[in-house]
Amino acid sequence: MVPAGTPRPIIARLNAEVRKALADPGVREKLNAQGLTVRGSSPEELGAATREQLAKYARLMKQAGVVID
């Protein structure tokens, strides 16, 4: 995640470096030990997954009658 308006070349570089780190067996092992599922993706895939999750939880909150004060 980066602030809105971050230039695409910076996003691409950060994504490449994160994917590189996630390819390291030691990093993967430490993350897995914390109960995390390691899966690198593109910025577009992350955006789509985030939008999907937000919509899912918005529906659940509406169905449950949750009101934010």
PDB file of N, CA and C in Angstrom:
ATOM      1  N   MET A   1       0.848  -1.162   0.000  1.00  0.00           N
ATOM      2  CA  MET A   1       0.000   0.000   0.000  1.00  0.00           C
ATOM      3  C   MET A   1       0.905   1.240   0.000  1.00  0.00           C
ATOM      4  N   VAL A   2       0.522   2.197  -0.805  1.00  0.00           N
ATOM      5  CA  VAL A   2       1.236   3.473  -0.878  1.00  0.00           C
ATOM      6  C   VAL A   2       0.203   4.597  -0.928  1.00  0.00           C
ATOM      7  N   PRO A   3       0.618   5.809  -0.629  1.00  0.00           N
ATOM      8  CA  PRO A   3      -0.332   6.925  -0.707  1.00  0.00           C
ATOM      9  C   PRO A   3      -0.864   7.114  -2.132  1.00  0.00           C
ATOM     10  N   ALA A   4      -2.106   7.584  -2.211  1.00  0.00           N
ATOM     11  CA  ALA A   4      -2.687   7.894  -3.520  1.00  0.00           C
ATOM     12  C   ALA A   4      -1.792   8.898  -4.230  1.00  0.00           C
ATOM     13  N   GLY A   5      -1.658   8.722  -5.526  1.00  0.00           N
ATOM     14  CA  GLY A   5      -0.855   9.642  -6.316  1.00  0.00           C
ATOM     15  C   GLY A   5       0.624   9.276  -6.405  1.00  0.00           C
ATOM     16  N   THR A   6       1.009   8.163  -5.782  1.00  0.00           N
ATOM     17  CA  THR A   6       2.405   7.728  -5.876  1.00  0.00           C
ATOM     18  C   THR A   6       2.704   7.408  -7.334  1.00  0.00           C
ATOM     19  N   PRO A   7       3.795   7.935  -7.883  1.00  0.00           N
ATOM     20  CA  PRO A   7       4.120   7.688  -9.292  1.00  0.00           C
ATOM     21  C   PRO A   7       4.276   6.192  -9.598  1.00  0.00           C
ATOM     22  N   ARG A   8       3.783   5.791 -10.771  1.00  0.00           N
ATOM     23  CA  ARG A   8       3.841   4.383 -11.186  1.00  0.00           C
ATOM     24  C   ARG A   8       5.238   3.785 -11.138  1.00  0.00           C
ATOM     25  N   PRO A   9       6.295   4.509 -11.545  1.00  0.00           N
ATOM     26  CA  PRO A   9       7.629   3.900 -11.465  1.00  0.00           C
ATOM     27  C   PRO A   9       8.027   3.537 -10.026  1.00  0.00           C
ATOM     28  N   ILE A  10       7.593   4.323  -9.068  1.00  0.00           N
ATOM     29  CA  ILE A  10       7.908   4.016  -7.665  1.00  0.00           C
ATOM     30  C   ILE A  10       7.112   2.790  -7.219  1.00  0.00           C
ATOM     31  N   ILE A  11       5.849   2.724  -7.610  1.00  0.00           N
ATOM     32  CA  ILE A  11       5.026   1.561  -7.276  1.00  0.00           C
ATOM     33  C   ILE A  11       5.639   0.297  -7.884  1.00  0.00           C
ATOM     34  N   ALA A  12       6.058   0.384  -9.114  1.00  0.00           N
ATOM     35  CA  ALA A  12       6.659  -0.771  -9.799  1.00  0.00           C
ATOM     36  C   ALA A  12       7.939  -1.208  -9.093  1.00  0.00           C
ATOM     37  N   ARG A  13       8.750  -0.263  -8.685  1.00  0.00           N
ATOM     38  CA  ARG A  13      10.005  -0.598  -7.993  1.00  0.00           C
ATOM     39  C   ARG A  13       9.731  -1.240  -6.645  1.00  0.00           C
ATOM     40  N   LEU A  14       8.794  -0.677  -5.880  1.00  0.00           N
ATOM     41  CA  LEU A  14       8.443  -1.258  -4.590  1.00  0.00           C
ATOM     42  C   LEU A  14       7.897  -2.671  -4.762  1.00  0.00           C
ATOM     43  N   ASN A  15       7.038  -2.865  -5.761  1.00  0.00           N
ATOM     44  CA  ASN A  15       6.484  -4.188  -6.015  1.00  0.00           C
ATOM     45  C   ASN A  15       7.588  -5.181  -6.360  1.00  0.00           C
ATOM     46  N   ALA A  16       8.515  -4.774  -7.189  1.00  0.00           N
ATOM     47  CA  ALA A  16       9.617  -5.667  -7.572  1.00  0.00           C
ATOM     48  C   ALA A  16      10.458  -6.049  -6.357  1.00  0.00           C
ATOM     49  N   GLU A  17      10.724  -5.097  -5.488  1.00  0.00           N
ATOM     50  CA  GLU A  17      11.550  -5.371  -4.305  1.00  0.00           C
ATOM     51  C   GLU A  17      10.817  -6.254  -3.300  1.00  0.00           C
ATOM     52  N   VAL A  18       9.513  -6.037  -3.138  1.00  0.00           N
ATOM     53  CA  VAL A  18       8.736  -6.878  -2.224  1.00  0.00           C
ATOM     54  C   VAL A  18       8.680  -8.301  -2.757  1.00  0.00           C
ATOM     55  N   ARG A  19       8.444  -8.442  -4.061  1.00  0.00           N
ATOM     56  CA  ARG A  19       8.405  -9.783  -4.655  1.00  0.00           C
ATOM     57  C   ARG A  19       9.751 -10.485  -4.503  1.00  0.00           C
ATOM     58  N   LYS A  20      10.821  -9.730  -4.644  1.00  0.00           N
ATOM     59  CA  LYS A  20      12.169 -10.280  -4.467  1.00  0.00           C
ATOM     60  C   LYS A  20      12.350 -10.774  -3.028  1.00  0.00           C
ATOM     61  N   ALA A  21      11.910  -9.968  -2.054  1.00  0.00           N
ATOM     62  CA  ALA A  21      12.023 -10.368  -0.647  1.00  0.00           C
ATOM     63  C   ALA A  21      11.173 -11.598  -0.362  1.00  0.00           C
ATOM     64  N   LEU A  22       9.970 -11.644  -0.925  1.00  0.00           N
ATOM     65  CA  LEU A  22       9.078 -12.776  -0.680  1.00  0.00           C
ATOM     66  C   LEU A  22       9.580 -14.066  -1.324  1.00  0.00           C
ATOM     67  N   ALA A  23      10.482 -13.950  -2.273  1.00  0.00           N
ATOM     68  CA  ALA A  23      11.060 -15.133  -2.911  1.00  0.00           C
ATOM     69  C   ALA A  23      12.153 -15.757  -2.044  1.00  0.00           C
ATOM     70  N   ASP A  24      12.626 -15.010  -1.046  1.00  0.00           N
ATOM     71  CA  ASP A  24      13.687 -15.496  -0.161  1.00  0.00           C
ATOM     72  C   ASP A  24      13.097 -16.535   0.804  1.00  0.00           C
ATOM     73  N   PRO A  25      13.657 -17.740   0.812  1.00  0.00           N
ATOM     74  CA  PRO A  25      13.116 -18.802   1.686  1.00  0.00           C
ATOM     75  C   PRO A  25      13.101 -18.408   3.169  1.00  0.00           C
ATOM     76  N   GLY A  26      14.091 -17.678   3.625  1.00  0.00           N
ATOM     77  CA  GLY A  26      14.137 -17.264   5.023  1.00  0.00           C
ATOM     78  C   GLY A  26      13.001 -16.314   5.368  1.00  0.00           C
ATOM     79  N   VAL A  27      12.717 -15.398   4.482  1.00  0.00           N
ATOM     80  CA  VAL A  27      11.613 -14.460   4.688  1.00  0.00           C
ATOM     81  C   VAL A  27      10.291 -15.217   4.682  1.00  0.00           C
ATOM     82  N   ARG A  28      10.131 -16.097   3.717  1.00  0.00           N
ATOM     83  CA  ARG A  28       8.890 -16.879   3.619  1.00  0.00           C
ATOM     84  C   ARG A  28       8.673 -17.704   4.891  1.00  0.00           C
ATOM     85  N   GLU A  29       9.752 -18.331   5.379  1.00  0.00           N
ATOM     86  CA  GLU A  29       9.668 -19.163   6.578  1.00  0.00           C
ATOM     87  C   GLU A  29       9.217 -18.332   7.783  1.00  0.00           C
ATOM     88  N   LYS A  30       9.807 -17.152   7.951  1.00  0.00           N
ATOM     89  CA  LYS A  30       9.444 -16.300   9.086  1.00  0.00           C
ATOM     90  C   LYS A  30       7.996 -15.826   8.992  1.00  0.00           C
ATOM     91  N   LEU A  31       7.556 -15.475   7.810  1.00  0.00           N
ATOM     92  CA  LEU A  31       6.178 -15.035   7.630  1.00  0.00           C
ATOM     93  C   LEU A  31       5.202 -16.183   7.840  1.00  0.00           C
ATOM     94  N   ASN A  32       5.537 -17.355   7.311  1.00  0.00           N
ATOM     95  CA  ASN A  32       4.690 -18.536   7.508  1.00  0.00           C
ATOM     96  C   ASN A  32       4.599 -18.895   8.988  1.00  0.00           C
ATOM     97  N   ALA A  33       5.698 -18.749   9.735  1.00  0.00           N
ATOM     98  CA  ALA A  33       5.714 -19.053  11.165  1.00  0.00           C
ATOM     99  C   ALA A  33       4.773 -18.127  11.941  1.00  0.00           C
ATOM    100  N   GLN A  34       4.488 -16.961  11.371  1.00  0.00           N
ATOM    101  CA  GLN A  34       3.571 -16.008  12.003  1.00  0.00           C
ATOM    102  C   GLN A  34       2.126 -16.242  11.562  1.00  0.00           C
ATOM    103  N   GLY A  35       1.928 -17.286  10.766  1.00  0.00           N
ATOM    104  CA  GLY A  35       0.578 -17.615  10.319  1.00  0.00           C
ATOM    105  C   GLY A  35       0.147 -16.877   9.065  1.00  0.00           C
ATOM    106  N   LEU A  36       1.094 -16.239   8.399  1.00  0.00           N
ATOM    107  CA  LEU A  36       0.767 -15.495   7.182  1.00  0.00           C
ATOM    108  C   LEU A  36       0.906 -16.390   5.962  1.00  0.00           C
ATOM    109  N   THR A  37       0.062 -16.160   4.980  1.00  0.00           N
ATOM    110  CA  THR A  37       0.161 -16.845   3.705  1.00  0.00           C
ATOM    111  C   THR A  37       0.887 -15.919   2.750  1.00  0.00           C
ATOM    112  N   VAL A  38       2.018 -16.359   2.252  1.00  0.00           N
ATOM    113  CA  VAL A  38       2.846 -15.534   1.376  1.00  0.00           C
ATOM    114  C   VAL A  38       2.393 -15.707  -0.058  1.00  0.00           C
ATOM    115  N   ARG A  39       2.040 -14.578  -0.677  1.00  0.00           N
ATOM    116  CA  ARG A  39       1.632 -14.614  -2.079  1.00  0.00           C
ATOM    117  C   ARG A  39       1.940 -13.256  -2.677  1.00  0.00           C
ATOM    118  N   GLY A  40       2.875 -13.196  -3.564  1.00  0.00           N
ATOM    119  CA  GLY A  40       3.172 -11.947  -4.252  1.00  0.00           C
ATOM    120  C   GLY A  40       2.146 -11.725  -5.347  1.00  0.00           C
ATOM    121  N   SER A  41       1.846 -10.476  -5.616  1.00  0.00           N
ATOM    122  CA  SER A  41       0.899 -10.167  -6.678  1.00  0.00           C
ATOM    123  C   SER A  41       1.272  -8.825  -7.285  1.00  0.00           C
ATOM    124  N   SER A  42       0.518  -8.438  -8.278  1.00  0.00           N
ATOM    125  CA  SER A  42       0.746  -7.143  -8.909  1.00  0.00           C
ATOM    126  C   SER A  42      -0.044  -6.074  -8.158  1.00  0.00           C
ATOM    127  N   PRO A  43       0.299  -4.809  -8.338  1.00  0.00           N
ATOM    128  CA  PRO A  43      -0.496  -3.734  -7.731  1.00  0.00           C
ATOM    129  C   PRO A  43      -1.962  -3.794  -8.169  1.00  0.00           C
ATOM    130  N   GLU A  44      -2.201  -4.177  -9.396  1.00  0.00           N
ATOM    131  CA  GLU A  44      -3.569  -4.275  -9.898  1.00  0.00           C
ATOM    132  C   GLU A  44      -4.341  -5.391  -9.192  1.00  0.00           C
ATOM    133  N   GLU A  45      -3.677  -6.531  -8.983  1.00  0.00           N
ATOM    134  CA  GLU A  45      -4.317  -7.647  -8.283  1.00  0.00           C
ATOM    135  C   GLU A  45      -4.621  -7.271  -6.833  1.00  0.00           C
ATOM    136  N   LEU A  46      -3.699  -6.583  -6.188  1.00  0.00           N
ATOM    137  CA  LEU A  46      -3.929  -6.140  -4.813  1.00  0.00           C
ATOM    138  C   LEU A  46      -5.105  -5.169  -4.756  1.00  0.00           C
ATOM    139  N   GLY A  47      -5.174  -4.245  -5.695  1.00  0.00           N
ATOM    140  CA  GLY A  47      -6.281  -3.297  -5.739  1.00  0.00           C
ATOM    141  C   GLY A  47      -7.613  -3.992  -5.908  1.00  0.00           C
ATOM    142  N   ALA A  48      -7.657  -4.952  -6.803  1.00  0.00           N
ATOM    143  CA  ALA A  48      -8.899  -5.691  -7.044  1.00  0.00           C
ATOM    144  C   ALA A  48      -9.306  -6.487  -5.809  1.00  0.00           C
ATOM    145  N   ALA A  49      -8.353  -7.143  -5.173  1.00  0.00           N
ATOM    146  CA  ALA A  49      -8.652  -7.930  -3.969  1.00  0.00           C
ATOM    147  C   ALA A  49      -9.132  -7.023  -2.839  1.00  0.00           C
ATOM    148  N   THR A  50      -8.532  -5.859  -2.708  1.00  0.00           N
ATOM    149  CA  THR A  50      -8.932  -4.914  -1.666  1.00  0.00           C
ATOM    150  C   THR A  50     -10.353  -4.421  -1.906  1.00  0.00           C
ATOM    151  N   ARG A  51     -10.668  -4.059  -3.142  1.00  0.00           N
ATOM    152  CA  ARG A  51     -12.026  -3.611  -3.466  1.00  0.00           C
ATOM    153  C   ARG A  51     -13.046  -4.712  -3.185  1.00  0.00           C
ATOM    154  N   GLU A  52     -12.694  -5.942  -3.524  1.00  0.00           N
ATOM    155  CA  GLU A  52     -13.579  -7.081  -3.297  1.00  0.00           C
ATOM    156  C   GLU A  52     -13.846  -7.273  -1.803  1.00  0.00           C
ATOM    157  N   GLN A  53     -12.788  -7.206  -1.001  1.00  0.00           N
ATOM    158  CA  GLN A  53     -12.938  -7.370   0.445  1.00  0.00           C
ATOM    159  C   GLN A  53     -13.769  -6.237   1.056  1.00  0.00           C
ATOM    160  N   LEU A  54     -13.535  -5.007   0.616  1.00  0.00           N
ATOM    161  CA  LEU A  54     -14.309  -3.879   1.133  1.00  0.00           C
ATOM    162  C   LEU A  54     -15.793  -4.040   0.822  1.00  0.00           C
ATOM    163  N   ALA A  55     -16.101  -4.466  -0.391  1.00  0.00           N
ATOM    164  CA  ALA A  55     -17.497  -4.679  -0.775  1.00  0.00           C
ATOM    165  C   ALA A  55     -18.116  -5.801   0.057  1.00  0.00           C
ATOM    166  N   LYS A  56     -17.368  -6.865   0.271  1.00  0.00           N
ATOM    167  CA  LYS A  56     -17.852  -7.997   1.057  1.00  0.00           C
ATOM    168  C   LYS A  56     -18.199  -7.554   2.473  1.00  0.00           C
ATOM    169  N   TYR A  57     -17.288  -6.844   3.120  1.00  0.00           N
ATOM    170  CA  TYR A  57     -17.532  -6.433   4.500  1.00  0.00           C
ATOM    171  C   TYR A  57     -18.587  -5.343   4.594  1.00  0.00           C
ATOM    172  N   ALA A  58     -18.728  -4.518   3.583  1.00  0.00           N
ATOM    173  CA  ALA A  58     -19.799  -3.517   3.568  1.00  0.00           C
ATOM    174  C   ALA A  58     -21.158  -4.218   3.531  1.00  0.00           C
ATOM    175  N   ARG A  59     -21.279  -5.276   2.706  1.00  0.00           N
ATOM    176  CA  ARG A  59     -22.525  -6.037   2.645  1.00  0.00           C
ATOM    177  C   ARG A  59     -22.831  -6.699   3.990  1.00  0.00           C
ATOM    178  N   LEU A  60     -21.809  -7.313   4.596  1.00  0.00           N
ATOM    179  CA  LEU A  60     -22.005  -7.972   5.887  1.00  0.00           C
ATOM    180  C   LEU A  60     -22.428  -6.977   6.964  1.00  0.00           C
ATOM    181  N   MET A  61     -21.801  -5.814   6.972  1.00  0.00           N
ATOM    182  CA  MET A  61     -22.156  -4.795   7.959  1.00  0.00           C
ATOM    183  C   MET A  61     -23.596  -4.318   7.752  1.00  0.00           C
ATOM    184  N   LYS A  62     -23.986  -4.147   6.498  1.00  0.00           N
ATOM    185  CA  LYS A  62     -25.347  -3.705   6.206  1.00  0.00           C
ATOM    186  C   LYS A  62     -26.349  -4.763   6.646  1.00  0.00           C
ATOM    187  N   GLN A  63     -26.069  -6.039   6.339  1.00  0.00           N
ATOM    188  CA  GLN A  63     -26.958  -7.128   6.720  1.00  0.00           C
ATOM    189  C   GLN A  63     -27.077  -7.234   8.243  1.00  0.00           C
ATOM    190  N   ALA A  64     -25.969  -6.973   8.939  1.00  0.00           N
ATOM    191  CA  ALA A  64     -25.966  -7.086  10.396  1.00  0.00           C
ATOM    192  C   ALA A  64     -26.530  -5.839  11.073  1.00  0.00           C
ATOM    193  N   GLY A  65     -26.788  -4.796  10.294  1.00  0.00           N
ATOM    194  CA  GLY A  65     -27.315  -3.568  10.863  1.00  0.00           C
ATOM    195  C   GLY A  65     -26.294  -2.746  11.620  1.00  0.00           C
ATOM    196  N   VAL A  66     -25.031  -2.913  11.298  1.00  0.00           N
ATOM    197  CA  VAL A  66     -23.969  -2.180  11.969  1.00  0.00           C
ATOM    198  C   VAL A  66     -24.036  -0.717  11.540  1.00  0.00           C
ATOM    199  N   VAL A  67     -24.012   0.162  12.541  1.00  0.00           N
ATOM    200  CA  VAL A  67     -24.039   1.604  12.284  1.00  0.00           C
ATOM    201  C   VAL A  67     -22.794   2.205  12.924  1.00  0.00           C
ATOM    202  N   ILE A  68     -22.057   2.963  12.165  1.00  0.00           N
ATOM    203  CA  ILE A  68     -20.857   3.622  12.691  1.00  0.00           C
ATOM    204  C   ILE A  68     -21.228   5.014  13.133  1.00  0.00           C
ATOM    205  N   ASP A  69     -20.945   5.310  14.396  1.00  0.00           N
ATOM    206  CA  ASP A  69     -21.240   6.652  14.946  1.00  0.00           C
ATOM    207  C   ASP A  69     -20.126   7.616  14.650  1.00  0.00           C
TER     208      ASP A  69
END
